PDB file of N, CA and C in Angstrom:
ATOM      1  N   GLN A   1     -11.571  45.941  39.601  1.00  0.00           N
ATOM      2  CA  GLN A   1     -10.853  44.673  39.596  1.00  0.00           C
ATOM      3  C   GLN A   1     -10.667  44.207  38.151  1.00  0.00           C
ATOM      4  N   VAL A   2      -9.438  43.895  37.815  1.00  0.00           N
ATOM      5  CA  VAL A   2      -9.127  43.458  36.457  1.00  0.00           C
ATOM      6  C   VAL A   2      -9.360  41.958  36.326  1.00  0.00           C
ATOM      7  N   GLN A   3     -10.044  41.592  35.267  1.00  0.00           N
ATOM      8  CA  GLN A   3     -10.237  40.175  34.955  1.00  0.00           C
ATOM      9  C   GLN A   3      -9.984  39.940  33.484  1.00  0.00           C
ATOM     10  N   LEU A   4      -9.252  38.884  33.198  1.00  0.00           N
ATOM     11  CA  LEU A   4      -9.035  38.423  31.834  1.00  0.00           C
ATOM     12  C   LEU A   4      -9.542  36.995  31.762  1.00  0.00           C
ATOM     13  N   VAL A   5     -10.438  36.723  30.827  1.00  0.00           N
ATOM     14  CA  VAL A   5     -11.046  35.401  30.727  1.00  0.00           C
ATOM     15  C   VAL A   5     -10.894  34.884  29.305  1.00  0.00           C
ATOM     16  N   GLU A   6     -10.137  33.789  29.174  1.00  0.00           N
ATOM     17  CA  GLU A   6      -9.921  33.189  27.856  1.00  0.00           C
ATOM     18  C   GLU A   6     -11.028  32.202  27.508  1.00  0.00           C
ATOM     19  N   SER A   7     -11.222  32.034  26.222  1.00  0.00           N
ATOM     20  CA  SER A   7     -12.158  31.029  25.715  1.00  0.00           C
ATOM     21  C   SER A   7     -11.702  30.610  24.325  1.00  0.00           C
ATOM     22  N   GLY A   8     -12.282  29.512  23.840  1.00  0.00           N
ATOM     23  CA  GLY A   8     -12.016  29.100  22.468  1.00  0.00           C
ATOM     24  C   GLY A   8     -11.090  27.912  22.309  1.00  0.00           C
ATOM     25  N   GLY A   9     -10.523  27.443  23.409  1.00  0.00           N
ATOM     26  CA  GLY A   9      -9.652  26.278  23.301  1.00  0.00           C
ATOM     27  C   GLY A   9     -10.435  25.026  22.955  1.00  0.00           C
ATOM     28  N   GLY A  10      -9.705  23.958  22.664  1.00  0.00           N
ATOM     29  CA  GLY A  10     -10.359  22.700  22.340  1.00  0.00           C
ATOM     30  C   GLY A  10      -9.384  21.706  21.774  1.00  0.00           C
ATOM     31  N   SER A  11      -9.933  20.599  21.273  1.00  0.00           N
ATOM     32  CA  SER A  11      -9.127  19.527  20.678  1.00  0.00           C
ATOM     33  C   SER A  11      -9.387  19.487  19.184  1.00  0.00           C
ATOM     34  N   VAL A  12      -8.316  19.542  18.409  1.00  0.00           N
ATOM     35  CA  VAL A  12      -8.443  19.533  16.952  1.00  0.00           C
ATOM     36  C   VAL A  12      -7.396  18.607  16.348  1.00  0.00           C
ATOM     37  N   GLN A  13      -7.559  18.345  15.069  1.00  0.00           N
ATOM     38  CA  GLN A  13      -6.582  17.564  14.323  1.00  0.00           C
ATOM     39  C   GLN A  13      -5.518  18.512  13.756  1.00  0.00           C
ATOM     40  N   ALA A  14      -4.355  17.976  13.499  1.00  0.00           N
ATOM     41  CA  ALA A  14      -3.290  18.762  12.873  1.00  0.00           C
ATOM     42  C   ALA A  14      -3.786  19.352  11.559  1.00  0.00           C
ATOM     43  N   GLY A  15      -3.444  20.612  11.322  1.00  0.00           N
ATOM     44  CA  GLY A  15      -3.864  21.296  10.110  1.00  0.00           C
ATOM     45  C   GLY A  15      -5.124  22.126  10.272  1.00  0.00           C
ATOM     46  N   GLU A  16      -5.851  21.879  11.351  1.00  0.00           N
ATOM     47  CA  GLU A  16      -7.083  22.625  11.584  1.00  0.00           C
ATOM     48  C   GLU A  16      -6.793  23.952  12.289  1.00  0.00           C
ATOM     49  N   SER A  17      -7.866  24.707  12.527  1.00  0.00           N
ATOM     50  CA  SER A  17      -7.732  26.045  13.101  1.00  0.00           C
ATOM     51  C   SER A  17      -8.547  26.186  14.381  1.00  0.00           C
ATOM     52  N   LEU A  18      -8.121  27.119  15.214  1.00  0.00           N
ATOM     53  CA  LEU A  18      -8.871  27.525  16.396  1.00  0.00           C
ATOM     54  C   LEU A  18      -8.708  29.028  16.555  1.00  0.00           C
ATOM     55  N   ARG A  19      -9.699  29.635  17.181  1.00  0.00           N
ATOM     56  CA  ARG A  19      -9.612  31.059  17.501  1.00  0.00           C
ATOM     57  C   ARG A  19      -9.816  31.235  18.994  1.00  0.00           C
ATOM     58  N   LEU A  20      -8.812  31.750  19.662  1.00  0.00           N
ATOM     59  CA  LEU A  20      -8.904  32.034  21.090  1.00  0.00           C
ATOM     60  C   LEU A  20      -9.318  33.482  21.287  1.00  0.00           C
ATOM     61  N   SER A  21     -10.058  33.718  22.348  1.00  0.00           N
ATOM     62  CA  SER A  21     -10.469  35.072  22.683  1.00  0.00           C
ATOM     63  C   SER A  21     -10.248  35.316  24.164  1.00  0.00           C
ATOM     64  N   CYS A  22      -9.878  36.533  24.494  1.00  0.00           N
ATOM     65  CA  CYS A  22      -9.649  36.926  25.886  1.00  0.00           C
ATOM     66  C   CYS A  22     -10.493  38.156  26.162  1.00  0.00           C
ATOM     67  N   ALA A  23     -11.488  38.005  27.011  1.00  0.00           N
ATOM     68  CA  ALA A  23     -12.373  39.117  27.353  1.00  0.00           C
ATOM     69  C   ALA A  23     -11.862  39.809  28.598  1.00  0.00           C
ATOM     70  N   ALA A  24     -11.740  41.126  28.521  1.00  0.00           N
ATOM     71  CA  ALA A  24     -11.203  41.899  29.637  1.00  0.00           C
ATOM     72  C   ALA A  24     -12.293  42.717  30.305  1.00  0.00           C
ATOM     73  N   SER A  25     -12.186  42.816  31.621  1.00  0.00           N
ATOM     74  CA  SER A  25     -13.039  43.725  32.375  1.00  0.00           C
ATOM     75  C   SER A  25     -12.174  44.474  33.368  1.00  0.00           C
ATOM     76  N   GLY A  26     -12.526  45.742  33.613  1.00  0.00           N
ATOM     77  CA  GLY A  26     -11.725  46.557  34.512  1.00  0.00           C
ATOM     78  C   GLY A  26     -10.383  46.960  33.914  1.00  0.00           C
ATOM     79  N   TYR A  27     -10.249  46.801  32.621  1.00  0.00           N
ATOM     80  CA  TYR A  27      -8.944  46.996  31.954  1.00  0.00           C
ATOM     81  C   TYR A  27      -9.226  47.139  30.464  1.00  0.00           C
ATOM     82  N   THR A  28      -8.561  48.102  29.796  1.00  0.00           N
ATOM     83  CA  THR A  28      -8.767  48.314  28.373  1.00  0.00           C
ATOM     84  C   THR A  28      -7.583  47.749  27.599  1.00  0.00           C
ATOM     85  N   THR A  29      -7.817  46.667  26.899  1.00  0.00           N
ATOM     86  CA  THR A  29      -6.711  45.954  26.253  1.00  0.00           C
ATOM     87  C   THR A  29      -5.982  46.802  25.232  1.00  0.00           C
ATOM     88  N   SER A  30      -6.676  47.691  24.568  1.00  0.00           N
ATOM     89  CA  SER A  30      -6.063  48.491  23.505  1.00  0.00           C
ATOM     90  C   SER A  30      -5.128  49.572  24.041  1.00  0.00           C
ATOM     91  N   HIS A  31      -5.078  49.746  25.356  1.00  0.00           N
ATOM     92  CA  HIS A  31      -4.239  50.785  25.953  1.00  0.00           C
ATOM     93  C   HIS A  31      -2.877  50.269  26.379  1.00  0.00           C
ATOM     94  N   TYR A  32      -2.641  48.985  26.244  1.00  0.00           N
ATOM     95  CA  TYR A  32      -1.417  48.392  26.790  1.00  0.00           C
ATOM     96  C   TYR A  32      -0.849  47.327  25.856  1.00  0.00           C
ATOM     97  N   CYS A  33       0.409  46.975  26.140  1.00  0.00           N
ATOM     98  CA  CYS A  33       1.001  45.810  25.490  1.00  0.00           C
ATOM     99  C   CYS A  33       0.276  44.572  25.999  1.00  0.00           C
ATOM    100  N   MET A  34      -0.201  43.761  25.067  1.00  0.00           N
ATOM    101  CA  MET A  34      -0.916  42.535  25.406  1.00  0.00           C
ATOM    102  C   MET A  34      -0.213  41.349  24.762  1.00  0.00           C
ATOM    103  N   ALA A  35      -0.388  40.196  25.368  1.00  0.00           N
ATOM    104  CA  ALA A  35       0.317  39.020  24.852  1.00  0.00           C
ATOM    105  C   ALA A  35      -0.483  37.743  25.034  1.00  0.00           C
ATOM    106  N   TRP A  36      -0.169  36.788  24.215  1.00  0.00           N
ATOM    107  CA  TRP A  36      -0.583  35.400  24.412  1.00  0.00           C
ATOM    108  C   TRP A  36       0.684  34.605  24.742  1.00  0.00           C
ATOM    109  N   PHE A  37       0.597  33.842  25.821  1.00  0.00           N
ATOM    110  CA  PHE A  37       1.641  32.904  26.217  1.00  0.00           C
ATOM    111  C   PHE A  37       1.062  31.499  26.124  1.00  0.00           C
ATOM    112  N   ARG A  38       1.954  30.524  26.148  1.00  0.00           N
ATOM    113  CA  ARG A  38       1.506  29.130  26.251  1.00  0.00           C
ATOM    114  C   ARG A  38       2.498  28.352  27.092  1.00  0.00           C
ATOM    115  N   GLN A  39       1.982  27.275  27.690  1.00  0.00           N
ATOM    116  CA  GLN A  39       2.828  26.399  28.494  1.00  0.00           C
ATOM    117  C   GLN A  39       2.430  24.953  28.250  1.00  0.00           C
ATOM    118  N   ALA A  40       3.375  24.206  27.721  1.00  0.00           N
ATOM    119  CA  ALA A  40       3.164  22.778  27.507  1.00  0.00           C
ATOM    120  C   ALA A  40       3.630  22.019  28.750  1.00  0.00           C
ATOM    121  N   PRO A  41       3.116  20.820  28.978  1.00  0.00           N
ATOM    122  CA  PRO A  41       3.523  20.042  30.156  1.00  0.00           C
ATOM    123  C   PRO A  41       5.029  19.856  30.206  1.00  0.00           C
ATOM    124  N   GLY A  42       5.619  20.160  31.358  1.00  0.00           N
ATOM    125  CA  GLY A  42       7.043  19.968  31.537  1.00  0.00           C
ATOM    126  C   GLY A  42       7.911  21.030  30.914  1.00  0.00           C
ATOM    127  N   LYS A  43       7.293  22.065  30.355  1.00  0.00           N
ATOM    128  CA  LYS A  43       8.066  23.125  29.708  1.00  0.00           C
ATOM    129  C   LYS A  43       7.772  24.471  30.343  1.00  0.00           C
ATOM    130  N   GLN A  44       8.680  25.424  30.120  1.00  0.00           N
ATOM    131  CA  GLN A  44       8.465  26.771  30.621  1.00  0.00           C
ATOM    132  C   GLN A  44       7.409  27.487  29.790  1.00  0.00           C
ATOM    133  N   ARG A  45       6.745  28.448  30.428  1.00  0.00           N
ATOM    134  CA  ARG A  45       5.783  29.260  29.692  1.00  0.00           C
ATOM    135  C   ARG A  45       6.539  30.130  28.699  1.00  0.00           C
ATOM    136  N   GLU A  46       6.014  30.227  27.491  1.00  0.00           N
ATOM    137  CA  GLU A  46       6.695  30.993  26.458  1.00  0.00           C
ATOM    138  C   GLU A  46       5.743  31.984  25.796  1.00  0.00           C
ATOM    139  N   GLY A  47       6.284  33.121  25.394  1.00  0.00           N
ATOM    140  CA  GLY A  47       5.499  34.111  24.672  1.00  0.00           C
ATOM    141  C   GLY A  47       5.234  33.638  23.262  1.00  0.00           C
ATOM    142  N   VAL A  48       4.014  33.799  22.807  1.00  0.00           N
ATOM    143  CA  VAL A  48       3.608  33.348  21.472  1.00  0.00           C
ATOM    144  C   VAL A  48       3.423  34.533  20.529  1.00  0.00           C
ATOM    145  N   ALA A  49       2.720  35.554  21.024  1.00  0.00           N
ATOM    146  CA  ALA A  49       2.436  36.725  20.190  1.00  0.00           C
ATOM    147  C   ALA A  49       2.163  37.923  21.079  1.00  0.00           C
ATOM    148  N   ILE A  50       2.544  39.105  20.587  1.00  0.00           N
ATOM    149  CA  ILE A  50       2.322  40.333  21.344  1.00  0.00           C
ATOM    150  C   ILE A  50       1.782  41.421  20.424  1.00  0.00           C
ATOM    151  N   THR A  51       1.067  42.379  21.026  1.00  0.00           N
ATOM    152  CA  THR A  51       0.579  43.530  20.270  1.00  0.00           C
ATOM    153  C   THR A  51       0.567  44.747  21.186  1.00  0.00           C
ATOM    154  N   ASP A  52       0.860  45.926  20.609  1.00  0.00           N
ATOM    155  CA  ASP A  52       0.918  47.125  21.439  1.00  0.00           C
ATOM    156  C   ASP A  52      -0.215  48.085  21.084  1.00  0.00           C
ATOM    157  N   VAL A  53      -0.155  49.302  21.637  1.00  0.00           N
ATOM    158  CA  VAL A  53      -1.252  50.263  21.463  1.00  0.00           C
ATOM    159  C   VAL A  53      -1.388  50.725  20.013  1.00  0.00           C
ATOM    160  N   ASP A  54      -0.327  50.584  19.232  1.00  0.00           N
ATOM    161  CA  ASP A  54      -0.373  50.963  17.822  1.00  0.00           C
ATOM    162  C   ASP A  54      -0.702  49.772  16.924  1.00  0.00           C
ATOM    163  N   SER A  55      -1.114  48.663  17.555  1.00  0.00           N
ATOM    164  CA  SER A  55      -1.453  47.429  16.836  1.00  0.00           C
ATOM    165  C   SER A  55      -0.268  46.806  16.117  1.00  0.00           C
ATOM    166  N   ASN A  56       0.951  47.175  16.541  1.00  0.00           N
ATOM    167  CA  ASN A  56       2.120  46.459  16.035  1.00  0.00           C
ATOM    168  C   ASN A  56       2.079  45.052  16.622  1.00  0.00           C
ATOM    169  N   THR A  57       2.465  44.064  15.841  1.00  0.00           N
ATOM    170  CA  THR A  57       2.418  42.683  16.305  1.00  0.00           C
ATOM    171  C   THR A  57       3.758  41.996  16.097  1.00  0.00           C
ATOM    172  N   LYS A  58       4.035  41.061  16.981  1.00  0.00           N
ATOM    173  CA  LYS A  58       5.260  40.268  16.868  1.00  0.00           C
ATOM    174  C   LYS A  58       4.919  38.841  17.281  1.00  0.00           C
ATOM    175  N   TYR A  59       5.664  37.900  16.716  1.00  0.00           N
ATOM    176  CA  TYR A  59       5.365  36.495  16.942  1.00  0.00           C
ATOM    177  C   TYR A  59       6.627  35.702  17.242  1.00  0.00           C
ATOM    178  N   ALA A  60       6.450  34.635  17.995  1.00  0.00           N
ATOM    179  CA  ALA A  60       7.521  33.668  18.161  1.00  0.00           C
ATOM    180  C   ALA A  60       7.764  33.001  16.808  1.00  0.00           C
ATOM    181  N   ASP A  61       9.012  32.651  16.549  1.00  0.00           N
ATOM    182  CA  ASP A  61       9.346  32.040  15.257  1.00  0.00           C
ATOM    183  C   ASP A  61       8.520  30.776  15.001  1.00  0.00           C
ATOM    184  N   SER A  62       8.197  30.050  16.055  1.00  0.00           N
ATOM    185  CA  SER A  62       7.489  28.779  15.905  1.00  0.00           C
ATOM    186  C   SER A  62       6.056  28.934  15.392  1.00  0.00           C
ATOM    187  N   VAL A  63       5.502  30.143  15.503  1.00  0.00           N
ATOM    188  CA  VAL A  63       4.106  30.336  15.076  1.00  0.00           C
ATOM    189  C   VAL A  63       3.965  31.360  13.963  1.00  0.00           C
ATOM    190  N   LYS A  64       5.073  31.983  13.591  1.00  0.00           N
ATOM    191  CA  LYS A  64       5.037  33.039  12.573  1.00  0.00           C
ATOM    192  C   LYS A  64       4.440  32.503  11.275  1.00  0.00           C
ATOM    193  N   GLY A  65       3.510  33.265  10.709  1.00  0.00           N
ATOM    194  CA  GLY A  65       2.858  32.851   9.477  1.00  0.00           C
ATOM    195  C   GLY A  65       1.642  31.968   9.686  1.00  0.00           C
ATOM    196  N   ARG A  66       1.447  31.478  10.912  1.00  0.00           N
ATOM    197  CA  ARG A  66       0.292  30.612  11.198  1.00  0.00           C
ATOM    198  C   ARG A  66      -0.674  31.248  12.191  1.00  0.00           C
ATOM    199  N   PHE A  67      -0.155  32.026  13.120  1.00  0.00           N
ATOM    200  CA  PHE A  67      -0.980  32.654  14.162  1.00  0.00           C
ATOM    201  C   PHE A  67      -1.096  34.152  13.891  1.00  0.00           C
ATOM    202  N   THR A  68      -2.248  34.709  14.275  1.00  0.00           N
ATOM    203  CA  THR A  68      -2.468  36.157  14.151  1.00  0.00           C
ATOM    204  C   THR A  68      -3.106  36.686  15.427  1.00  0.00           C
ATOM    205  N   ILE A  69      -2.449  37.659  16.039  1.00  0.00           N
ATOM    206  CA  ILE A  69      -2.985  38.297  17.238  1.00  0.00           C
ATOM    207  C   ILE A  69      -3.702  39.575  16.828  1.00  0.00           C
ATOM    208  N   SER A  70      -4.827  39.851  17.470  1.00  0.00           N
ATOM    209  CA  SER A  70      -5.580  41.054  17.125  1.00  0.00           C
ATOM    210  C   SER A  70      -6.408  41.496  18.320  1.00  0.00           C
ATOM    211  N   GLN A  71      -6.856  42.735  18.255  1.00  0.00           N
ATOM    212  CA  GLN A  71      -7.705  43.263  19.319  1.00  0.00           C
ATOM    213  C   GLN A  71      -9.011  43.771  18.724  1.00  0.00           C
ATOM    214  N   ASP A  72     -10.079  43.551  19.453  1.00  0.00           N
ATOM    215  CA  ASP A  72     -11.380  44.113  19.090  1.00  0.00           C
ATOM    216  C   ASP A  72     -11.664  45.223  20.100  1.00  0.00           C
ATOM    217  N   ASN A  73     -11.509  46.459  19.657  1.00  0.00           N
ATOM    218  CA  ASN A  73     -11.630  47.583  20.582  1.00  0.00           C
ATOM    219  C   ASN A  73     -13.065  47.811  21.036  1.00  0.00           C
ATOM    220  N   VAL A  74     -14.027  47.355  20.272  1.00  0.00           N
ATOM    221  CA  VAL A  74     -15.424  47.495  20.661  1.00  0.00           C
ATOM    222  C   VAL A  74     -15.769  46.483  21.757  1.00  0.00           C
ATOM    223  N   LYS A  75     -15.349  45.257  21.542  1.00  0.00           N
ATOM    224  CA  LYS A  75     -15.656  44.196  22.511  1.00  0.00           C
ATOM    225  C   LYS A  75     -14.650  44.175  23.660  1.00  0.00           C
ATOM    226  N   ASN A  76     -13.527  44.891  23.502  1.00  0.00           N
ATOM    227  CA  ASN A  76     -12.457  44.872  24.515  1.00  0.00           C
ATOM    228  C   ASN A  76     -11.923  43.457  24.706  1.00  0.00           C
ATOM    229  N   THR A  77     -11.592  42.829  23.588  1.00  0.00           N
ATOM    230  CA  THR A  77     -11.045  41.482  23.631  1.00  0.00           C
ATOM    231  C   THR A  77      -9.715  41.418  22.896  1.00  0.00           C
ATOM    232  N   LEU A  78      -8.928  40.429  23.274  1.00  0.00           N
ATOM    233  CA  LEU A  78      -7.678  40.096  22.602  1.00  0.00           C
ATOM    234  C   LEU A  78      -7.874  38.716  21.996  1.00  0.00           C
ATOM    235  N   ASP A  79      -7.620  38.594  20.700  1.00  0.00           N
ATOM    236  CA  ASP A  79      -7.877  37.331  20.021  1.00  0.00           C
ATOM    237  C   ASP A  79      -6.585  36.723  19.471  1.00  0.00           C
ATOM    238  N   LEU A  80      -6.620  35.421  19.261  1.00  0.00           N
ATOM    239  CA  LEU A  80      -5.500  34.730  18.640  1.00  0.00           C
ATOM    240  C   LEU A  80      -6.067  33.726  17.647  1.00  0.00           C
ATOM    241  N   GLN A  81      -5.908  34.023  16.371  1.00  0.00           N
ATOM    242  CA  GLN A  81      -6.318  33.108  15.327  1.00  0.00           C
ATOM    243  C   GLN A  81      -5.173  32.154  15.046  1.00  0.00           C
ATOM    244  N   MET A  82      -5.431  30.864  15.200  1.00  0.00           N
ATOM    245  CA  MET A  82      -4.385  29.850  15.036  1.00  0.00           C
ATOM    246  C   MET A  82      -4.754  28.939  13.873  1.00  0.00           C
ATOM    247  N   ASN A  83      -3.975  29.004  12.819  1.00  0.00           N
ATOM    248  CA  ASN A  83      -4.192  28.181  11.633  1.00  0.00           C
ATOM    249  C   ASN A  83      -3.087  27.139  11.496  1.00  0.00           C
ATOM    250  N   SER A  84      -3.353  26.142  10.691  1.00  0.00           N
ATOM    251  CA  SER A  84      -2.366  25.097  10.419  1.00  0.00           C
ATOM    252  C   SER A  84      -1.741  24.574  11.704  1.00  0.00           C
ATOM    253  N   LEU A  85      -2.588  24.237  12.642  1.00  0.00           N
ATOM    254  CA  LEU A  85      -2.101  23.796  13.953  1.00  0.00           C
ATOM    255  C   LEU A  85      -1.306  22.509  13.859  1.00  0.00           C
ATOM    256  N   LYS A  86      -0.299  22.420  14.723  1.00  0.00           N
ATOM    257  CA  LYS A  86       0.589  21.262  14.775  1.00  0.00           C
ATOM    258  C   LYS A  86       0.504  20.632  16.156  1.00  0.00           C
ATOM    259  N   PRO A  87       0.850  19.351  16.282  1.00  0.00           N
ATOM    260  CA  PRO A  87       0.841  18.726  17.618  1.00  0.00           C
ATOM    261  C   PRO A  87       1.709  19.484  18.624  1.00  0.00           C
ATOM    262  N   GLU A  88       2.784  20.081  18.175  1.00  0.00           N
ATOM    263  CA  GLU A  88       3.655  20.823  19.083  1.00  0.00           C
ATOM    264  C   GLU A  88       3.046  22.144  19.565  1.00  0.00           C
ATOM    265  N   ASP A  89       1.895  22.510  19.039  1.00  0.00           N
ATOM    266  CA  ASP A  89       1.170  23.682  19.551  1.00  0.00           C
ATOM    267  C   ASP A  89       0.323  23.329  20.774  1.00  0.00           C
ATOM    268  N   THR A  90       0.257  22.060  21.111  1.00  0.00           N
ATOM    269  CA  THR A  90      -0.513  21.627  22.272  1.00  0.00           C
ATOM    270  C   THR A  90       0.024  22.261  23.538  1.00  0.00           C
ATOM    271  N   ALA A  91      -0.834  22.973  24.262  1.00  0.00           N
ATOM    272  CA  ALA A  91      -0.416  23.686  25.466  1.00  0.00           C
ATOM    273  C   ALA A  91      -1.623  24.365  26.097  1.00  0.00           C
ATOM    274  N   MET A  92      -1.408  24.864  27.311  1.00  0.00           N
ATOM    275  CA  MET A  92      -2.370  25.777  27.913  1.00  0.00           C
ATOM    276  C   MET A  92      -2.004  27.174  27.421  1.00  0.00           C
ATOM    277  N   TYR A  93      -2.978  27.896  26.905  1.00  0.00           N
ATOM    278  CA  TYR A  93      -2.748  29.234  26.373  1.00  0.00           C
ATOM    279  C   TYR A  93      -3.304  30.285  27.334  1.00  0.00           C
ATOM    280  N   TYR A  94      -2.477  31.304  27.582  1.00  0.00           N
ATOM    281  CA  TYR A  94      -2.822  32.353  28.532  1.00  0.00           C
ATOM    282  C   TYR A  94      -2.807  33.724  27.865  1.00  0.00           C
ATOM    283  N   CYS A  95      -3.781  34.525  28.221  1.00  0.00           N
ATOM    284  CA  CYS A  95      -3.825  35.929  27.841  1.00  0.00           C
ATOM    285  C   CYS A  95      -3.137  36.723  28.953  1.00  0.00           C
ATOM    286  N   ALA A  96      -2.352  37.737  28.579  1.00  0.00           N
ATOM    287  CA  ALA A  96      -1.638  38.526  29.581  1.00  0.00           C
ATOM    288  C   ALA A  96      -1.666  40.004  29.214  1.00  0.00           C
ATOM    289  N   GLY A  97      -1.854  40.838  30.228  1.00  0.00           N
ATOM    290  CA  GLY A  97      -1.878  42.282  30.042  1.00  0.00           C
ATOM    291  C   GLY A  97      -0.810  42.962  30.875  1.00  0.00           C
ATOM    292  N   SER A  98      -0.206  43.986  30.302  1.00  0.00           N
ATOM    293  CA  SER A  98       0.875  44.685  31.001  1.00  0.00           C
ATOM    294  C   SER A  98       0.431  46.077  31.439  1.00  0.00           C
ATOM    295  N   TRP A  99       1.389  46.833  31.985  1.00  0.00           N
ATOM    296  CA  TRP A  99       1.148  48.219  32.348  1.00  0.00           C
ATOM    297  C   TRP A  99       1.830  49.157  31.366  1.00  0.00           C
ATOM    298  N   SER A 100       2.407  48.610  30.314  1.00  0.00           N
ATOM    299  CA  SER A 100       3.186  49.394  29.359  1.00  0.00           C
ATOM    300  C   SER A 100       2.435  49.596  28.055  1.00  0.00           C
ATOM    301  N   TYR A 101       2.650  50.779  27.447  1.00  0.00           N
ATOM    302  CA  TYR A 101       2.019  51.034  26.148  1.00  0.00           C
ATOM    303  C   TYR A 101       2.734  50.296  25.026  1.00  0.00           C
ATOM    304  N   THR A 102       4.026  50.075  25.208  1.00  0.00           N
ATOM    305  CA  THR A 102       4.820  49.425  24.169  1.00  0.00           C
ATOM    306  C   THR A 102       5.274  48.052  24.647  1.00  0.00           C
ATOM    307  N   CYS A 103       5.672  47.243  23.685  1.00  0.00           N
ATOM    308  CA  CYS A 103       6.142  45.897  24.000  1.00  0.00           C
ATOM    309  C   CYS A 103       7.651  45.813  23.752  1.00  0.00           C
ATOM    310  N   LYS A 104       8.324  45.033  24.553  1.00  0.00           N
ATOM    311  CA  LYS A 104       9.732  44.727  24.297  1.00  0.00           C
ATOM    312  C   LYS A 104       9.825  43.870  23.038  1.00  0.00           C
ATOM    313  N   PRO A 105      11.025  43.753  22.469  1.00  0.00           N
ATOM    314  CA  PRO A 105      11.195  42.801  21.362  1.00  0.00           C
ATOM    315  C   PRO A 105      10.749  41.409  21.790  1.00  0.00           C
ATOM    316  N   MET A 106      10.253  40.636  20.842  1.00  0.00           N
ATOM    317  CA  MET A 106       9.679  39.327  21.166  1.00  0.00           C
ATOM    318  C   MET A 106      10.643  38.463  21.964  1.00  0.00           C
ATOM    319  N   GLU A 107      11.920  38.504  21.613  1.00  0.00           N
ATOM    320  CA  GLU A 107      12.885  37.630  22.275  1.00  0.00           C
ATOM    321  C   GLU A 107      13.159  38.053  23.716  1.00  0.00           C
ATOM    322  N   ASP A 108      12.744  39.255  24.090  1.00  0.00           N
ATOM    323  CA  ASP A 108      12.964  39.746  25.449  1.00  0.00           C
ATOM    324  C   ASP A 108      11.723  39.650  26.326  1.00  0.00           C
ATOM    325  N   ILE A 109      10.611  39.221  25.767  1.00  0.00           N
ATOM    326  CA  ILE A 109       9.371  39.141  26.533  1.00  0.00           C
ATOM    327  C   ILE A 109       9.494  38.091  27.640  1.00  0.00           C
ATOM    328  N   ARG A 110       9.081  38.484  28.859  1.00  0.00           N
ATOM    329  CA  ARG A 110       9.107  37.574  30.006  1.00  0.00           C
ATOM    330  C   ARG A 110       7.787  37.670  30.756  1.00  0.00           C
ATOM    331  N   ASP A 111       7.492  36.618  31.526  1.00  0.00           N
ATOM    332  CA  ASP A 111       6.277  36.597  32.358  1.00  0.00           C
ATOM    333  C   ASP A 111       6.176  37.851  33.215  1.00  0.00           C
ATOM    334  N   ARG A 112       7.305  38.272  33.776  1.00  0.00           N
ATOM    335  CA  ARG A 112       7.291  39.365  34.748  1.00  0.00           C
ATOM    336  C   ARG A 112       6.924  40.705  34.131  1.00  0.00           C
ATOM    337  N   ASP A 113       6.891  40.784  32.809  1.00  0.00           N
ATOM    338  CA  ASP A 113       6.503  42.021  32.146  1.00  0.00           C
ATOM    339  C   ASP A 113       4.995  42.227  32.146  1.00  0.00           C
ATOM    340  N   PHE A 114       4.253  41.217  32.590  1.00  0.00           N
ATOM    341  CA  PHE A 114       2.791  41.250  32.534  1.00  0.00           C
ATOM    342  C   PHE A 114       2.204  41.019  33.913  1.00  0.00           C
ATOM    343  N   GLY A 115       1.325  41.916  34.315  1.00  0.00           N
ATOM    344  CA  GLY A 115       0.772  41.841  35.662  1.00  0.00           C
ATOM    345  C   GLY A 115      -0.600  41.220  35.748  1.00  0.00           C
ATOM    346  N   TYR A 116      -1.244  41.069  34.605  1.00  0.00           N
ATOM    347  CA  TYR A 116      -2.607  40.520  34.596  1.00  0.00           C
ATOM    348  C   TYR A 116      -2.643  39.273  33.725  1.00  0.00           C
ATOM    349  N   TRP A 117      -3.258  38.227  34.251  1.00  0.00           N
ATOM    350  CA  TRP A 117      -3.293  36.942  33.570  1.00  0.00           C
ATOM    351  C   TRP A 117      -4.679  36.336  33.626  1.00  0.00           C
ATOM    352  N   GLY A 118      -5.033  35.654  32.563  1.00  0.00           N
ATOM    353  CA  GLY A 118      -6.243  34.859  32.580  1.00  0.00           C
ATOM    354  C   GLY A 118      -5.958  33.498  33.179  1.00  0.00           C
ATOM    355  N   GLN A 119      -7.005  32.673  33.259  1.00  0.00           N
ATOM    356  CA  GLN A 119      -6.874  31.351  33.872  1.00  0.00           C
ATOM    357  C   GLN A 119      -6.352  30.309  32.896  1.00  0.00           C
ATOM    358  N   GLY A 120      -6.348  30.645  31.614  1.00  0.00           N
ATOM    359  CA  GLY A 120      -5.837  29.743  30.594  1.00  0.00           C
ATOM    360  C   GLY A 120      -6.932  28.960  29.897  1.00  0.00           C
ATOM    361  N   THR A 121      -6.652  28.557  28.671  1.00  0.00           N
ATOM    362  CA  THR A 121      -7.556  27.696  27.910  1.00  0.00           C
ATOM    363  C   THR A 121      -6.709  26.648  27.193  1.00  0.00           C
ATOM    364  N   GLN A 122      -7.135  25.398  27.272  1.00  0.00           N
ATOM    365  CA  GLN A 122      -6.341  24.284  26.759  1.00  0.00           C
ATOM    366  C   GLN A 122      -6.535  24.102  25.261  1.00  0.00           C
ATOM    367  N   VAL A 123      -5.414  23.954  24.567  1.00  0.00           N
ATOM    368  CA  VAL A 123      -5.425  23.629  23.145  1.00  0.00           C
ATOM    369  C   VAL A 123      -4.694  22.304  22.973  1.00  0.00           C
ATOM    370  N   THR A 124      -5.365  21.338  22.364  1.00  0.00           N
ATOM    371  CA  THR A 124      -4.774  20.028  22.120  1.00  0.00           C
ATOM    372  C   THR A 124      -4.868  19.721  20.629  1.00  0.00           C
ATOM    373  N   VAL A 125      -3.714  19.431  20.022  1.00  0.00           N
ATOM    374  CA  VAL A 125      -3.669  19.147  18.595  1.00  0.00           C
ATOM    375  C   VAL A 125      -3.145  17.728  18.416  1.00  0.00           C
ATOM    376  N   SER A 126      -3.928  16.899  17.791  1.00  0.00           N
ATOM    377  CA  SER A 126      -3.520  15.508  17.565  1.00  0.00           C
ATOM    378  C   SER A 126      -3.115  15.308  16.110  1.00  0.00           C
ATOM    379  N   SER A 127      -2.219  14.353  15.928  1.00  0.00           N
ATOM    380  CA  SER A 127      -1.689  14.101  14.569  1.00  0.00           C
ATOM    381  C   SER A 127      -2.539  13.109  13.808  1.00  0.00           C
TER     382      SER A 127
END
């Protein structure tokens, strides 16, 4: 049984940092395209960052230069380092795993490309 469990969310001030982690069981994150999504109240879920089996990474324009996605192959986790947080980064953040070794271009990433999801972790950034 595949499980993805996120942690690391919280409430911070604008400009501060958070590190999210997604622990996987029954599934090896380094073998597939993995992603972080987020969903703010009243908005559609959007892809934030993706990484594939070759550790290639891609980011949404809104987070480029501030967020870094990475994998820890020993711990079997997917991480998201978020720096210089802004109030508009406030959302529920989800870890997602696919069945594909490669990732589509960032602009083509959709929910349906990922079959495994965590329960989400809340990030709140105040000004």
